[in-house]
Amino acid sequence: MSCVTPWRTAIWSLLRQALAAELEQAQHPLLLRLAAEADSKRFAALSEIVLDHALLADGSQLENPADYVQRMNKLLLELDSSAGTS
């Protein structure tokens, strides 16, 4: 289970506000996908993955790599199941 820390919750809130304000200028597909997400739980899950990717790309270590792997596995399974229904 993912540990939701107060700073992550604050980042999600700021990210959602920034995406809403800058949607017309958003060019990256991940940002566009996040901006279009209506489900708050799904938005939180996706934004946490994007945040972890940014941390990894910056050379940082994740607080809990096992949680990251679980979130990625869940996302990949969701993508696989939705591909079968379209």
C-alpha atoms as a PDB file:
ATOM      1  CA  MET A   1       0.000   0.000   0.000  1.00  0.00           C
ATOM      2  CA  SER A   2       1.294   3.427  -0.909  1.00  0.00           C
ATOM      3  CA  CYS A   3       2.244   5.787   1.885  1.00  0.00           C
ATOM      4  CA  VAL A   4       0.650   9.159   1.203  1.00  0.00           C
ATOM      5  CA  THR A   5       2.679  11.806   2.958  1.00  0.00           C
ATOM      6  CA  PRO A   6       1.427  15.368   3.517  1.00  0.00           C
ATOM      7  CA  TRP A   7       3.968  16.812   1.081  1.00  0.00           C
ATOM      8  CA  ARG A   8       2.807  14.434  -1.663  1.00  0.00           C
ATOM      9  CA  THR A   9      -0.802  15.479  -1.039  1.00  0.00           C
ATOM     10  CA  ALA A  10       0.250  19.124  -1.299  1.00  0.00           C
ATOM     11  CA  ILE A  11       2.151  18.408  -4.524  1.00  0.00           C
ATOM     12  CA  TRP A  12      -0.912  16.683  -6.007  1.00  0.00           C
ATOM     13  CA  SER A  13      -3.048  19.668  -5.133  1.00  0.00           C
ATOM     14  CA  LEU A  14      -0.573  22.134  -6.630  1.00  0.00           C
ATOM     15  CA  LEU A  15      -0.119  19.975  -9.714  1.00  0.00           C
ATOM     16  CA  ARG A  16      -3.866  19.779 -10.286  1.00  0.00           C
ATOM     17  CA  GLN A  17      -4.178  23.575  -9.904  1.00  0.00           C
ATOM     18  CA  ALA A  18      -1.252  24.208 -12.227  1.00  0.00           C
ATOM     19  CA  LEU A  19      -2.613  21.832 -14.833  1.00  0.00           C
ATOM     20  CA  ALA A  20      -6.031  23.451 -14.712  1.00  0.00           C
ATOM     21  CA  ALA A  21      -4.501  26.912 -15.125  1.00  0.00           C
ATOM     22  CA  GLU A  22      -2.063  25.934 -17.886  1.00  0.00           C
ATOM     23  CA  LEU A  23      -3.988  23.281 -19.818  1.00  0.00           C
ATOM     24  CA  GLU A  24      -3.862  25.244 -23.056  1.00  0.00           C
ATOM     25  CA  GLN A  25      -0.066  25.406 -22.876  1.00  0.00           C
ATOM     26  CA  ALA A  26       0.473  21.799 -21.726  1.00  0.00           C
ATOM     27  CA  GLN A  27       2.257  19.894 -24.455  1.00  0.00           C
ATOM     28  CA  HIS A  28       3.584  16.798 -22.732  1.00  0.00           C
ATOM     29  CA  PRO A  29       1.242  13.793 -23.125  1.00  0.00           C
ATOM     30  CA  LEU A  30       1.576  12.841 -19.447  1.00  0.00           C
ATOM     31  CA  LEU A  31       0.532  16.326 -18.338  1.00  0.00           C
ATOM     32  CA  LEU A  32      -2.389  16.312 -20.741  1.00  0.00           C
ATOM     33  CA  ARG A  33      -3.456  12.895 -19.423  1.00  0.00           C
ATOM     34  CA  LEU A  34      -3.239  14.098 -15.829  1.00  0.00           C
ATOM     35  CA  ALA A  35      -5.174  17.269 -16.606  1.00  0.00           C
ATOM     36  CA  ALA A  36      -7.960  15.234 -18.183  1.00  0.00           C
ATOM     37  CA  GLU A  37      -8.263  12.769 -15.285  1.00  0.00           C
ATOM     38  CA  ALA A  38     -11.561  13.287 -13.464  1.00  0.00           C
ATOM     39  CA  ASP A  39     -11.156  10.537 -10.866  1.00  0.00           C
ATOM     40  CA  SER A  40      -9.230  11.945  -7.892  1.00  0.00           C
ATOM     41  CA  LYS A  41      -7.853   8.542  -6.822  1.00  0.00           C
ATOM     42  CA  ARG A  42      -6.614   7.813 -10.332  1.00  0.00           C
ATOM     43  CA  PHE A  43      -5.163  11.337 -10.573  1.00  0.00           C
ATOM     44  CA  ALA A  44      -3.296  10.787  -7.301  1.00  0.00           C
ATOM     45  CA  ALA A  45      -1.929   7.433  -8.470  1.00  0.00           C
ATOM     46  CA  LEU A  46      -0.807   8.751 -11.849  1.00  0.00           C
ATOM     47  CA  SER A  47       0.704  11.940 -10.451  1.00  0.00           C
ATOM     48  CA  GLU A  48       2.629   9.947  -7.861  1.00  0.00           C
ATOM     49  CA  ILE A  49       4.120   7.812 -10.635  1.00  0.00           C
ATOM     50  CA  VAL A  50       5.044  10.935 -12.619  1.00  0.00           C
ATOM     51  CA  LEU A  51       6.621  12.445  -9.509  1.00  0.00           C
ATOM     52  CA  ASP A  52       8.624   9.268  -8.894  1.00  0.00           C
ATOM     53  CA  HIS A  53       9.773   9.263 -12.525  1.00  0.00           C
ATOM     54  CA  ALA A  54      10.948  12.857 -12.140  1.00  0.00           C
ATOM     55  CA  LEU A  55      12.841  11.971  -8.966  1.00  0.00           C
ATOM     56  CA  LEU A  56      14.500   9.003 -10.673  1.00  0.00           C
ATOM     57  CA  ALA A  57      15.364  11.060 -13.760  1.00  0.00           C
ATOM     58  CA  ASP A  58      16.990  13.616 -11.464  1.00  0.00           C
ATOM     59  CA  GLY A  59      19.142  10.868  -9.946  1.00  0.00           C
ATOM     60  CA  SER A  60      17.312  10.772  -6.623  1.00  0.00           C
ATOM     61  CA  GLN A  61      16.402   7.660  -4.672  1.00  0.00           C
ATOM     62  CA  LEU A  62      12.794   6.799  -3.943  1.00  0.00           C
ATOM     63  CA  GLU A  63      11.597   6.633  -0.347  1.00  0.00           C
ATOM     64  CA  ASN A  64      10.020   3.236  -0.952  1.00  0.00           C
ATOM     65  CA  PRO A  65      11.014   1.518  -4.215  1.00  0.00           C
ATOM     66  CA  ALA A  66       8.718  -1.454  -3.492  1.00  0.00           C
ATOM     67  CA  ASP A  67       5.673   0.861  -3.445  1.00  0.00           C
ATOM     68  CA  TYR A  68       6.795   2.332  -6.755  1.00  0.00           C
ATOM     69  CA  VAL A  69       7.037  -1.124  -8.306  1.00  0.00           C
ATOM     70  CA  GLN A  70       3.563  -2.020  -7.015  1.00  0.00           C
ATOM     71  CA  ARG A  71       2.076   1.186  -8.469  1.00  0.00           C
ATOM     72  CA  MET A  72       3.757   0.575 -11.819  1.00  0.00           C
ATOM     73  CA  ASN A  73       2.589  -3.046 -11.910  1.00  0.00           C
ATOM     74  CA  LYS A  74      -0.978  -1.961 -11.140  1.00  0.00           C
ATOM     75  CA  LEU A  75      -0.846   0.657 -13.890  1.00  0.00           C
ATOM     76  CA  LEU A  76       0.547  -1.811 -16.416  1.00  0.00           C
ATOM     77  CA  LEU A  77      -2.146  -4.361 -15.561  1.00  0.00           C
ATOM     78  CA  GLU A  78      -4.832  -1.685 -15.931  1.00  0.00           C
ATOM     79  CA  LEU A  79      -3.436  -0.698 -19.315  1.00  0.00           C
ATOM     80  CA  ASP A  80      -3.337  -4.332 -20.393  1.00  0.00           C
ATOM     81  CA  SER A  81      -6.952  -4.946 -19.341  1.00  0.00           C
ATOM     82  CA  SER A  82      -8.220  -1.746 -20.979  1.00  0.00           C
ATOM     83  CA  ALA A  83      -6.418  -2.620 -24.229  1.00  0.00           C
ATOM     84  CA  GLY A  84      -8.364  -5.856 -24.348  1.00  0.00           C
ATOM     85  CA  THR A  85     -11.702  -4.039 -24.096  1.00  0.00           C
ATOM     86  CA  SER A  86     -11.199  -1.443 -26.808  1.00  0.00           C
END
